[in-house]
Protein backbone atom coordinates (compact mmCIF):
# COMPACT_ATOMS: atom_id res chain seq x y z
CA MET A 1 -27.69 -21.71 -8.05
CA ALA A 2 -24.08 -21.01 -6.61
CA LYS A 3 -23.69 -18.07 -4.30
CA LEU A 4 -20.18 -16.09 -3.86
CA ILE A 5 -19.70 -14.11 -1.02
CA LEU A 6 -17.04 -11.79 -1.21
CA VAL A 7 -15.08 -10.64 2.15
CA ARG A 8 -12.97 -8.19 2.55
CA HIS A 9 -10.69 -8.58 6.05
CA GLY A 10 -10.95 -6.79 9.03
CA GLU A 11 -9.06 -3.71 10.14
CA THR A 12 -5.52 -3.26 10.13
CA VAL A 13 -3.65 -0.17 11.85
CA TRP A 14 -2.49 0.05 8.36
CA ASN A 15 -6.17 0.96 7.07
CA VAL A 16 -6.67 3.47 10.17
CA GLU A 17 -3.49 5.10 9.50
CA LYS A 18 -3.81 5.03 5.23
CA ILE A 19 -0.52 3.34 4.55
CA TYR A 20 -0.60 1.07 1.36
CA ARG A 21 -0.61 -2.27 2.39
CA GLY A 22 -0.58 -4.55 -0.87
CA ARG A 23 1.89 -7.69 -0.13
CA THR A 24 3.35 -6.49 3.23
CA ASP A 25 1.66 -8.88 5.67
CA VAL A 26 0.06 -6.94 8.14
CA ASN A 27 -1.74 -8.10 11.22
CA LEU A 28 -5.57 -7.61 12.11
CA ASP A 29 -5.79 -5.04 14.93
CA GLU A 30 -7.94 -5.19 17.71
CA VAL A 31 -11.02 -3.87 16.08
CA GLY A 32 -10.29 -6.07 13.03
CA ILE A 33 -10.64 -9.26 15.22
CA LYS A 34 -13.80 -8.07 16.57
CA GLN A 35 -15.19 -7.49 13.34
CA ALA A 36 -13.89 -10.95 12.20
CA LYS A 37 -15.96 -12.71 14.96
CA LEU A 38 -18.86 -10.78 14.37
CA LEU A 39 -18.48 -11.86 10.81
CA GLY A 40 -18.34 -15.53 11.56
CA LYS A 41 -21.35 -15.62 14.28
CA TYR A 42 -23.52 -13.67 11.26
CA LEU A 43 -22.42 -16.40 8.59
CA SER A 44 -22.60 -19.31 10.80
CA ASN A 45 -26.16 -19.21 9.99
CA TRP A 46 -25.15 -19.60 6.39
CA GLU A 47 -24.38 -23.56 5.24
CA LEU A 48 -21.21 -22.79 3.49
CA GLU A 49 -19.62 -25.53 1.16
CA ALA A 50 -16.17 -23.72 0.84
CA ILE A 51 -13.93 -21.06 2.46
CA TYR A 52 -10.99 -19.24 0.18
CA SER A 53 -8.64 -16.66 1.35
CA SER A 54 -5.59 -14.54 0.49
CA PRO A 55 -2.42 -15.98 2.01
CA LEU A 56 -1.80 -12.75 3.63
CA ARG A 57 -2.50 -12.73 7.39
CA ARG A 58 -4.98 -10.23 7.84
CA ALA A 59 -7.18 -12.26 5.18
CA LEU A 60 -6.19 -15.83 6.63
CA ASP A 61 -7.07 -14.86 10.05
CA THR A 62 -10.44 -13.42 9.12
CA ALA A 63 -11.15 -16.64 7.08
CA ASN A 64 -9.87 -18.83 9.92
CA ILE A 65 -12.32 -17.11 12.32
CA ILE A 66 -15.02 -17.64 9.97
CA ALA A 67 -14.11 -21.04 9.48
CA HIS A 68 -14.32 -21.68 13.21
CA TYR A 69 -18.07 -21.53 13.32
CA GLN A 70 -18.51 -23.78 10.52
CA LYS A 71 -17.25 -27.32 9.56
CA ILE A 72 -15.14 -26.88 7.48
CA GLY A 73 -11.38 -25.68 6.50
CA VAL A 74 -9.92 -22.76 4.50
CA HIS A 75 -8.42 -23.13 1.05
CA ILE A 76 -5.64 -20.52 0.58
CA ALA A 77 -5.90 -18.98 -3.04
CA GLU A 78 -2.66 -17.29 -4.35
CA GLY A 79 -5.37 -15.34 -6.88
CA LEU A 80 -6.84 -13.44 -4.05
CA MET A 81 -3.43 -12.00 -3.01
CA ASP A 82 -3.75 -8.15 -2.60
CA PHE A 83 -2.87 -6.02 -5.25
CA ASP A 84 1.10 -5.68 -5.54
CA TYR A 85 1.70 -1.79 -5.14
CA GLY A 86 5.21 -2.23 -5.94
CA LYS A 87 7.07 1.21 -5.05
CA TRP A 88 4.03 2.55 -2.88
CA GLN A 89 3.99 -0.67 -0.79
CA SER A 90 4.38 0.41 2.83
CA LEU A 91 4.23 4.09 2.17
CA PRO A 92 1.53 6.56 3.74
CA GLU A 93 -0.82 7.72 1.23
CA GLN A 94 0.31 11.62 1.69
CA GLU A 95 4.10 10.37 1.35
CA ALA A 96 2.87 8.70 -2.09
CA LYS A 97 1.20 11.49 -3.36
CA LYS A 98 4.10 13.77 -2.58
CA LEU A 99 6.93 11.33 -4.10
CA TYR A 100 4.57 10.21 -7.30
CA PRO A 101 2.14 13.27 -7.70
CA THR A 102 1.62 12.43 -11.35
CA LEU A 103 1.15 8.66 -10.59
CA HIS A 104 -1.23 9.09 -7.52
CA ASN A 105 -3.32 11.55 -9.72
CA GLU A 106 -3.93 8.91 -12.55
CA TRP A 107 -4.35 6.46 -10.18
CA HIS A 108 -7.48 8.47 -8.63
CA ASN A 109 -8.81 9.37 -12.20
CA ASN A 110 -7.68 6.51 -14.64
CA PRO A 111 -6.68 3.77 -12.43
CA HIS A 112 -7.48 1.17 -15.15
CA ARG A 113 -4.28 2.82 -16.97
CA VAL A 114 -1.86 2.41 -14.13
CA LYS A 115 0.80 -0.07 -13.54
CA MET A 116 2.51 0.44 -10.43
CA PRO A 117 6.50 0.71 -10.47
CA GLY A 118 7.75 -2.36 -9.43
CA GLY A 119 4.10 -3.86 -9.33
CA GLU A 120 0.90 -4.81 -10.88
CA SER A 121 -2.00 -3.20 -12.95
CA LEU A 122 -5.66 -3.91 -12.12
CA GLU A 123 -5.92 -5.76 -15.06
CA ASP A 124 -3.14 -8.09 -13.38
CA VAL A 125 -5.26 -8.95 -10.57
CA ARG A 126 -8.35 -9.14 -12.57
CA ARG A 127 -7.00 -12.26 -14.40
CA ARG A 128 -5.65 -14.23 -11.35
CA ALA A 129 -8.57 -13.27 -9.21
CA ILE A 130 -11.45 -14.47 -11.96
CA GLU A 131 -9.34 -17.65 -12.16
CA VAL A 132 -10.35 -18.26 -8.54
CA VAL A 133 -13.90 -17.66 -8.81
CA ASN A 134 -13.86 -19.84 -12.08
CA ASP A 135 -12.24 -22.54 -9.95
CA VAL A 136 -14.74 -22.16 -6.94
CA LEU A 137 -17.51 -22.46 -9.47
CA SER A 138 -16.48 -25.57 -11.00
CA LYS A 139 -16.36 -27.57 -7.98
CA TYR A 140 -18.88 -26.18 -5.57
CA GLN A 141 -22.90 -25.09 -6.54
CA GLY A 142 -23.55 -24.16 -3.01
CA SER A 143 -22.36 -20.94 -0.98
CA ALA A 144 -18.73 -20.23 -1.06
CA VAL A 145 -16.78 -17.27 0.81
CA LEU A 146 -13.81 -15.61 -0.88
CA VAL A 147 -11.87 -13.49 1.93
CA SER A 148 -9.74 -11.06 0.16
CA HIS A 149 -8.73 -7.42 0.18
CA ARG A 150 -10.00 -3.87 -0.96
CA VAL A 151 -8.76 -3.82 -4.34
CA VAL A 152 -9.17 -7.40 -5.13
CA ASN A 153 -13.02 -7.07 -4.44
CA LYS A 154 -13.55 -3.98 -6.12
CA VAL A 155 -11.97 -5.24 -9.68
CA LEU A 156 -14.04 -8.89 -9.01
CA ILE A 157 -17.17 -6.77 -8.46
CA CYS A 158 -16.51 -4.74 -11.73
CA SER A 159 -15.68 -7.96 -13.59
CA LEU A 160 -18.84 -9.97 -12.25
CA LEU A 161 -21.00 -7.03 -13.33
CA GLY A 162 -19.32 -6.67 -16.85
CA LEU A 163 -17.62 -3.18 -15.94
CA ASP A 164 -13.98 -2.50 -16.79
CA ASN A 165 -11.56 -1.47 -14.75
CA SER A 166 -12.35 2.38 -15.12
CA TYR A 167 -15.01 1.99 -12.75
CA PHE A 168 -12.88 1.00 -9.93
CA TRP A 169 -13.67 4.19 -7.81
CA ASN A 170 -17.61 3.86 -8.00
CA ILE A 171 -17.43 0.67 -5.75
CA LYS A 172 -16.73 0.83 -1.95
CA GLN A 173 -15.78 -2.29 0.14
CA ASP A 174 -15.42 -1.75 3.62
CA VAL A 175 -13.16 -3.62 6.38
CA GLY A 176 -15.43 -6.63 7.30
CA GLY A 177 -18.03 -5.71 4.41
CA ILE A 178 -19.35 -8.55 2.53
CA THR A 179 -20.76 -8.55 -1.08
CA ILE A 180 -22.87 -11.35 -2.51
CA PHE A 181 -23.59 -12.55 -5.71
CA ASN A 182 -25.97 -15.35 -7.18
CA TYR A 183 -24.49 -17.44 -10.25
CA ALA A 184 -26.92 -19.25 -12.57
CA ASP A 185 -27.13 -19.56 -16.20
CA GLY A 186 -23.58 -17.56 -16.92
CA ARG A 187 -24.91 -15.00 -15.07
CA PHE A 188 -23.66 -12.96 -12.09
CA VAL A 189 -26.65 -11.27 -9.99
CA LEU A 190 -25.26 -8.79 -7.39
CA THR A 191 -27.83 -9.54 -4.65
CA ARG A 192 -26.17 -7.54 -1.63
CA HIS A 193 -23.16 -4.89 -1.63
CA ASN A 194 -21.05 -3.89 1.09
CA ASP A 195 -23.06 -5.07 3.94
CA THR A 196 -21.83 -4.20 7.51
CA SER A 197 -25.01 -4.38 9.57
CA HIS A 198 -23.09 -7.33 11.48
CA LEU A 199 -20.47 -5.00 12.77
CA LYS A 200 -23.17 -2.38 14.31
CA GLU A 201 -22.36 -2.97 17.69
CA LEU A 202 -18.65 -1.79 17.40
CA GLN A 203 -20.60 1.58 16.83
CA LYS A 204 -17.23 2.74 14.73
CA SER A 205 -17.19 5.34 12.19
CA VAL A 206 -16.64 4.09 8.50
CA LEU A 207 -13.05 4.32 7.33
CA ASP A 208 -12.42 6.04 3.84
CA ASP A 209 -12.00 4.02 0.92
CA PHE A 210 -8.44 3.15 1.78
């Protein structure tokens, strides 16, 4: 039975300040680095067969810290790249809301119907992320970690549960959090969701879903 461990990268300043990140290559902040180290220590008891990561530094640095506690390297997967927010990229949420009020409202009510101006739709994300999952499952039968981003993980969780993208806001994935699926006989079974128990010692308040 294969095990997929979906990881959201550690915290960045843009998570805290609610700025749309997308393809902008934002570094982990001090807290994010600590989160990645705690996650790496937590997963060090697991025998991982593979670690895949988005090419963006906040994910790749998280993946490399996890790999430091293992005897394997990190595969870069373009399909795990963050959502392309297009014209929203690098904008604070309040500014995006002011500049694009109708689109902002649609994003929060019907995310599955939104294609970002100059960017992607959630369906675009689903197609490329599922390709990575299929690739991983064709190569490994044990535990594999996929380090990615909020939007990508939420879309993947919907997909693996057989839900469409309209359920996007029904799922939360915190920075440094992990979600685990077992895979056997063509079925994905959710066994753990948004686990952040390994981050308790940081005693940090949980960020909003952003």
